[in-house]
Amino acid sequence: MTLHQLKPHFPWITLLALVAVVGVAHPNFLLPANLISMVADIMPLFIMALGMTFAIYIGGIDLSSQSVANMTTVLATIALPGLGLGAALVCILAGLTMGAVSGFVTTRLLVPSFVSTLAVGGIAYSVAQYLSGQRALYMDVTLRDASFGWMIGSSFGIPHEIVVGAALLALTWFLQSRTVFGRALKAVGAGEPAAAASGLPVRRIKVLAFALSGMLAAIAGLLFSAKLSGGSPTLANGFLLPAIVAVLVGGTPLTGGVGGVINTLIGTLIVAVIRSSMLYFEVDATMQQMVFGIILIVAIAATIDRSKMRIVK
């Protein structure tokens, strides 16, 4: 098997290798309870990365995801007393709207996605600051359990967060792999000019991709808020870089058209193992972002399709 043939298998090979290395060094890591706990803890990040996948799959990027998730934690906490479960709908619609705005600015005003989503992220952050009064907010535990109890806790030893993540993975996989919209996403990511020439509504497809990214970022924030019983404009800080890393190391390159949500699952598990290994090997917390930065550079260099990028600026 040539290196080119082996390349699509790198993510799961990397995952198995990391698990083996950490497991040999620290056998407790492989205990089923530890592995289940690790996967449950990573679910908000995984859901955010799922949304990011759609933006990257079409050759864009969504830098607003972290800020949208932060805004959602504030919205969920404020809306819960008056709306109950309806607060979830408010959060999802807010994320969908923010993502759609990013897509509109990118497609209609021809602003690069990294600029448009960064600007929309700034708006989301300002909304969160205004609504929260620049302070941390806390949920009433009884109200939280009544409305969002299905998102947290466990049944038969399986945390509900994993069930939520699995359900979203199944839905996004179906959308990507078994619908006309999913095939259109792949076409736009593989070659936008060719997709436009074939009659696909490229602008609409891209807006929907960013809207999906914003919606899933909001769901990630909602789950995070329920887990921590509150919200703040900075609650999900530190999620953006690992989410991008999860998508890229999973095998969905920045140039788009390849990979998808299953790859993101593998990439997120790689991120989870790396995070856990840094704890087991007592890597200083201040060094962890640097580690993810290095991994991001390596992931981009290893996955990017250079045939689509004649010149790098």
Protein backbone atom coordinates (compact mmCIF):
# COMPACT_ATOMS: atom_id res chain seq x y z
CA MET A 1 0.00 0.00 0.00
CA THR A 2 1.42 3.37 -1.05
CA LEU A 3 1.60 6.44 1.18
CA HIS A 4 -1.19 8.05 -0.87
CA GLN A 5 -3.45 5.03 -0.32
CA LEU A 6 -2.59 4.96 3.37
CA LYS A 7 -3.31 8.70 3.94
CA PRO A 8 -7.11 8.36 4.47
CA HIS A 9 -6.40 5.85 7.26
CA PHE A 10 -3.97 8.11 9.16
CA PRO A 11 -6.59 9.50 11.61
CA TRP A 12 -7.72 6.17 13.07
CA ILE A 13 -4.16 4.79 12.99
CA THR A 14 -3.07 7.88 14.93
CA LEU A 15 -5.91 7.38 17.41
CA LEU A 16 -5.01 3.74 18.04
CA ALA A 17 -1.32 4.60 18.40
CA LEU A 18 -2.04 7.36 20.94
CA VAL A 19 -4.35 5.12 22.96
CA ALA A 20 -1.69 2.39 22.98
CA VAL A 21 1.10 4.76 24.09
CA VAL A 22 -0.92 6.34 26.89
CA GLY A 23 -2.37 2.96 27.91
CA VAL A 24 1.08 1.38 28.22
CA ALA A 25 2.43 4.31 30.21
CA HIS A 26 -0.68 4.60 32.42
CA PRO A 27 -2.81 1.41 32.43
CA ASN A 28 -5.59 3.14 34.40
CA PHE A 29 -6.28 5.20 31.28
CA LEU A 30 -7.80 2.12 29.62
CA LEU A 31 -10.32 1.45 32.38
CA PRO A 32 -13.82 1.53 30.80
CA ALA A 33 -15.08 4.05 33.36
CA ASN A 34 -12.22 6.42 32.53
CA LEU A 35 -12.77 6.10 28.78
CA ILE A 36 -16.52 6.72 29.11
CA SER A 37 -15.90 9.74 31.32
CA MET A 38 -13.35 11.10 28.83
CA VAL A 39 -15.79 10.77 25.93
CA ALA A 40 -18.62 12.40 27.91
CA ASP A 41 -16.42 15.36 28.87
CA ILE A 42 -15.48 16.00 25.24
CA MET A 43 -19.07 16.01 23.90
CA PRO A 44 -19.62 19.82 23.89
CA LEU A 45 -16.37 20.20 21.95
CA PHE A 46 -17.38 17.38 19.61
CA ILE A 47 -20.73 19.02 18.84
CA MET A 48 -18.99 22.33 18.12
CA ALA A 49 -16.52 20.51 15.86
CA LEU A 50 -19.43 18.81 14.04
CA GLY A 51 -20.71 22.23 13.08
CA MET A 52 -17.23 23.43 12.17
CA THR A 53 -16.98 20.44 9.81
CA PHE A 54 -19.68 21.83 7.52
CA ALA A 55 -17.90 25.19 7.22
CA ILE A 56 -14.54 23.56 6.51
CA TYR A 57 -16.09 20.92 4.23
CA ILE A 58 -17.06 23.69 1.77
CA GLY A 59 -13.60 25.25 1.98
CA GLY A 60 -14.42 27.94 4.57
CA ILE A 61 -13.84 28.38 8.29
CA ASP A 62 -16.04 29.41 11.21
CA LEU A 63 -14.18 31.40 13.85
CA SER A 64 -17.43 32.48 15.56
CA SER A 65 -18.25 29.05 17.05
CA GLN A 66 -16.68 29.67 20.44
CA SER A 67 -18.35 33.07 20.85
CA VAL A 68 -21.71 31.68 19.72
CA ALA A 69 -21.39 28.90 22.30
CA ASN A 70 -20.55 31.48 24.97
CA MET A 71 -23.55 33.60 23.99
CA THR A 72 -25.76 30.51 24.14
CA THR A 73 -24.73 29.73 27.72
CA VAL A 74 -25.91 33.21 28.72
CA LEU A 75 -29.14 32.99 26.68
CA ALA A 76 -29.98 29.58 28.13
CA THR A 77 -29.45 30.77 31.71
CA ILE A 78 -31.51 33.94 31.25
CA ALA A 79 -34.35 32.31 29.26
CA LEU A 80 -34.70 29.19 31.42
CA PRO A 81 -36.90 30.68 34.24
CA GLY A 82 -39.45 32.12 31.81
CA LEU A 83 -39.41 29.63 28.93
CA GLY A 84 -38.30 26.32 30.41
CA LEU A 85 -37.49 23.91 27.61
CA GLY A 86 -38.34 26.69 25.16
CA ALA A 87 -35.00 28.26 26.12
CA ALA A 88 -33.36 25.53 24.05
CA LEU A 89 -35.27 26.66 20.96
CA VAL A 90 -34.23 30.27 21.57
CA CYS A 91 -30.59 29.20 21.77
CA ILE A 92 -30.76 27.07 18.62
CA LEU A 93 -32.45 29.85 16.64
CA ALA A 94 -29.87 32.37 17.87
CA GLY A 95 -27.01 30.12 16.74
CA LEU A 96 -28.71 29.44 13.41
CA THR A 97 -29.16 33.17 12.85
CA MET A 98 -25.56 34.00 13.69
CA GLY A 99 -24.32 31.31 11.31
CA ALA A 100 -26.65 32.48 8.54
CA VAL A 101 -25.37 36.05 8.97
CA SER A 102 -21.80 34.78 8.57
CA GLY A 103 -22.83 32.93 5.40
CA PHE A 104 -24.67 35.97 4.04
CA VAL A 105 -21.72 38.30 4.62
CA THR A 106 -19.37 35.77 3.02
CA THR A 107 -21.48 35.05 -0.06
CA ARG A 108 -23.24 38.36 -0.71
CA LEU A 109 -20.61 40.87 0.43
CA LEU A 110 -17.73 38.63 -0.68
CA VAL A 111 -15.94 38.92 2.66
CA PRO A 112 -13.60 35.96 3.35
CA SER A 113 -15.15 33.57 5.85
CA PHE A 114 -12.36 33.96 8.41
CA VAL A 115 -13.11 37.70 8.53
CA SER A 116 -16.90 37.47 8.45
CA THR A 117 -17.09 34.78 11.13
CA LEU A 118 -14.56 36.59 13.30
CA ALA A 119 -16.74 39.71 13.09
CA VAL A 120 -19.93 37.76 13.84
CA GLY A 121 -18.11 36.15 16.77
CA GLY A 122 -17.38 39.64 18.06
CA ILE A 123 -21.08 40.48 17.82
CA ALA A 124 -22.01 37.29 19.69
CA TYR A 125 -19.49 38.10 22.40
CA SER A 126 -20.88 41.63 22.78
CA VAL A 127 -24.43 40.27 23.04
CA ALA A 128 -23.29 37.85 25.75
CA GLN A 129 -21.51 40.67 27.63
CA TYR A 130 -24.57 42.90 27.46
CA LEU A 131 -27.10 40.26 28.50
CA SER A 132 -24.96 38.93 31.35
CA GLY A 133 -23.89 42.30 32.68
CA GLN A 134 -20.31 41.04 32.23
CA ARG A 135 -20.62 38.50 35.01
CA ALA A 136 -21.19 34.79 35.49
CA LEU A 137 -24.82 33.66 35.76
CA TYR A 138 -26.16 30.58 37.53
CA MET A 139 -29.14 28.33 36.84
CA ASP A 140 -31.66 27.17 39.38
CA VAL A 141 -30.82 23.47 39.64
CA THR A 142 -34.48 22.40 39.91
CA LEU A 143 -35.41 24.34 36.77
CA ARG A 144 -32.35 23.03 34.96
CA ASP A 145 -33.18 19.42 35.78
CA ALA A 146 -36.79 19.89 34.72
CA SER A 147 -35.90 21.34 31.32
CA PHE A 148 -32.42 20.08 30.50
CA GLY A 149 -32.12 17.00 32.70
CA TRP A 150 -32.32 14.79 29.61
CA MET A 151 -29.02 16.27 28.42
CA ILE A 152 -27.04 15.43 31.56
CA GLY A 153 -26.90 12.56 34.04
CA SER A 154 -26.69 8.94 32.90
CA SER A 155 -28.77 5.85 32.13
CA PHE A 156 -27.47 2.28 32.34
CA GLY A 157 -23.99 3.69 32.95
CA ILE A 158 -23.98 5.75 29.73
CA PRO A 159 -23.84 9.55 30.21
CA HIS A 160 -26.64 11.37 28.41
CA GLU A 161 -24.08 13.69 26.81
CA ILE A 162 -22.81 10.74 24.77
CA VAL A 163 -26.35 9.89 23.66
CA VAL A 164 -26.92 13.51 22.55
CA GLY A 165 -23.61 13.53 20.67
CA ALA A 166 -24.37 10.18 19.02
CA ALA A 167 -27.81 11.39 17.91
CA LEU A 168 -26.36 14.56 16.38
CA LEU A 169 -23.62 12.53 14.69
CA ALA A 170 -26.24 10.23 13.14
CA LEU A 171 -28.30 13.19 11.92
CA THR A 172 -25.35 15.06 10.44
CA TRP A 173 -23.97 11.89 8.83
CA PHE A 174 -27.35 11.27 7.19
CA LEU A 175 -27.47 14.89 6.03
CA GLN A 176 -23.95 14.72 4.62
CA SER A 177 -24.08 11.25 3.07
CA ARG A 178 -27.69 10.51 2.16
CA THR A 179 -29.20 13.78 0.95
CA VAL A 180 -28.94 15.98 -2.12
CA PHE A 181 -27.78 18.82 0.13
CA GLY A 182 -24.88 16.69 1.40
CA ARG A 183 -23.77 15.88 -2.15
CA ALA A 184 -24.02 19.57 -3.00
CA LEU A 185 -21.79 20.43 -0.03
CA LYS A 186 -19.17 18.00 -1.31
CA ALA A 187 -19.40 19.45 -4.81
CA VAL A 188 -18.91 23.01 -3.53
CA GLY A 189 -15.96 21.95 -1.39
CA ALA A 190 -14.35 19.94 -4.17
CA GLY A 191 -14.64 22.73 -6.74
CA GLU A 192 -16.85 25.78 -6.29
CA PRO A 193 -16.55 27.09 -9.89
CA ALA A 194 -17.50 23.68 -11.29
CA ALA A 195 -20.42 23.42 -8.84
CA ALA A 196 -21.69 26.85 -9.92
CA ALA A 197 -21.26 25.97 -13.60
CA SER A 198 -23.34 22.83 -13.09
CA GLY A 199 -26.25 24.91 -11.82
CA LEU A 200 -25.97 24.37 -8.07
CA PRO A 201 -27.16 27.31 -5.90
CA VAL A 202 -23.71 27.75 -4.39
CA ARG A 203 -24.52 30.85 -2.35
CA ARG A 204 -27.54 29.21 -0.70
CA ILE A 205 -25.57 26.04 0.03
CA LYS A 206 -22.78 28.02 1.70
CA VAL A 207 -25.22 30.05 3.81
CA LEU A 208 -26.88 26.83 4.97
CA ALA A 209 -23.48 25.31 5.82
CA PHE A 210 -22.59 28.27 8.04
CA ALA A 211 -26.09 28.25 9.55
CA LEU A 212 -25.60 24.59 10.50
CA SER A 213 -22.24 25.45 12.03
CA GLY A 214 -23.81 28.21 14.13
CA MET A 215 -26.71 25.99 15.19
CA LEU A 216 -24.42 23.17 16.35
CA ALA A 217 -22.19 25.67 18.17
CA ALA A 218 -25.32 26.84 20.00
CA ILE A 219 -26.25 23.26 20.92
CA ALA A 220 -22.70 22.76 22.22
CA GLY A 221 -23.08 25.88 24.36
CA LEU A 222 -26.47 24.70 25.60
CA LEU A 223 -25.04 21.34 26.67
CA PHE A 224 -22.07 23.03 28.33
CA SER A 225 -24.38 25.42 30.16
CA ALA A 226 -26.55 22.54 31.41
CA LYS A 227 -23.48 20.61 32.58
CA LEU A 228 -22.11 23.59 34.52
CA SER A 229 -25.50 25.02 35.61
CA GLY A 230 -24.88 28.51 34.33
CA GLY A 231 -23.40 30.74 31.71
CA SER A 232 -20.96 33.56 31.06
CA PRO A 233 -19.43 35.37 28.06
CA THR A 234 -16.24 33.34 28.54
CA LEU A 235 -17.53 29.93 29.69
CA ALA A 236 -16.53 28.08 26.51
CA ASN A 237 -13.22 29.89 26.01
CA GLY A 238 -10.50 27.52 24.91
CA PHE A 239 -12.82 25.47 22.67
CA LEU A 240 -12.11 27.10 19.29
CA LEU A 241 -8.58 25.85 18.65
CA PRO A 242 -9.26 22.24 19.76
CA ALA A 243 -12.44 22.20 17.63
CA ILE A 244 -10.51 23.23 14.52
CA VAL A 245 -7.79 20.72 15.38
CA ALA A 246 -10.42 17.96 15.76
CA VAL A 247 -11.78 18.61 12.27
CA LEU A 248 -8.37 18.84 10.60
CA VAL A 249 -6.64 15.90 12.30
CA GLY A 250 -9.73 13.85 11.52
CA GLY A 251 -9.01 14.31 7.83
CA THR A 252 -11.21 17.18 6.64
CA PRO A 253 -8.72 19.63 5.07
CA LEU A 254 -9.12 23.40 4.93
CA THR A 255 -9.44 23.13 1.15
CA GLY A 256 -12.70 21.19 1.60
CA GLY A 257 -14.46 18.48 -0.38
CA VAL A 258 -12.95 15.58 1.57
CA GLY A 259 -13.66 14.07 4.98
CA GLY A 260 -16.81 14.72 6.95
CA VAL A 261 -18.47 14.16 10.29
CA ILE A 262 -17.19 10.61 10.91
CA ASN A 263 -13.68 11.94 10.42
CA THR A 264 -14.48 14.65 12.97
CA LEU A 265 -15.52 11.99 15.49
CA ILE A 266 -12.10 10.35 15.11
CA GLY A 267 -10.38 13.74 15.28
CA THR A 268 -12.26 14.67 18.45
CA LEU A 269 -11.27 11.38 20.08
CA ILE A 270 -7.66 12.14 19.15
CA VAL A 271 -8.00 15.54 20.84
CA ALA A 272 -9.57 13.87 23.89
CA VAL A 273 -6.70 11.37 24.18
CA ILE A 274 -4.12 14.15 23.77
CA ARG A 275 -5.85 16.21 26.48
CA SER A 276 -5.93 13.22 28.83
CA SER A 277 -2.34 12.30 28.08
CA MET A 278 -1.21 15.81 28.99
CA LEU A 279 -2.89 15.37 32.36
CA TYR A 280 -1.39 11.91 32.87
CA PHE A 281 2.08 13.15 31.89
CA GLU A 282 1.59 16.32 33.99
CA VAL A 283 2.03 18.80 31.15
CA ASP A 284 1.61 22.32 32.48
CA ALA A 285 -1.81 23.84 31.68
CA THR A 286 -0.19 26.90 30.10
CA MET A 287 1.58 24.61 27.61
CA GLN A 288 -1.55 22.83 26.39
CA GLN A 289 -2.68 25.55 23.98
CA MET A 290 0.85 25.58 22.54
CA VAL A 291 0.62 21.83 22.00
CA PHE A 292 -2.69 22.22 20.16
CA GLY A 293 -1.20 25.05 18.09
CA ILE A 294 1.65 22.79 16.97
CA ILE A 295 -0.79 19.97 16.19
CA LEU A 296 -2.91 22.41 14.16
CA ILE A 297 0.07 23.41 12.00
CA VAL A 298 1.01 19.76 11.46
CA ALA A 299 -2.60 18.84 10.65
CA ILE A 300 -2.94 21.62 8.07
CA ALA A 301 0.38 20.72 6.46
CA ALA A 302 -0.56 17.02 6.31
CA THR A 303 -4.15 17.33 5.03
CA ILE A 304 -4.28 20.39 2.79
CA ASP A 305 -4.75 19.82 -0.95
CA ARG A 306 -1.98 21.90 -2.49
CA SER A 307 -3.38 21.44 -6.00
CA LYS A 308 -6.17 23.86 -5.00
CA MET A 309 -3.71 26.43 -3.66
CA ARG A 310 -1.29 27.53 -6.36
CA ILE A 311 -0.13 30.47 -4.26
CA VAL A 312 -0.03 30.72 -0.45
CA LYS A 313 -0.40 34.25 0.93
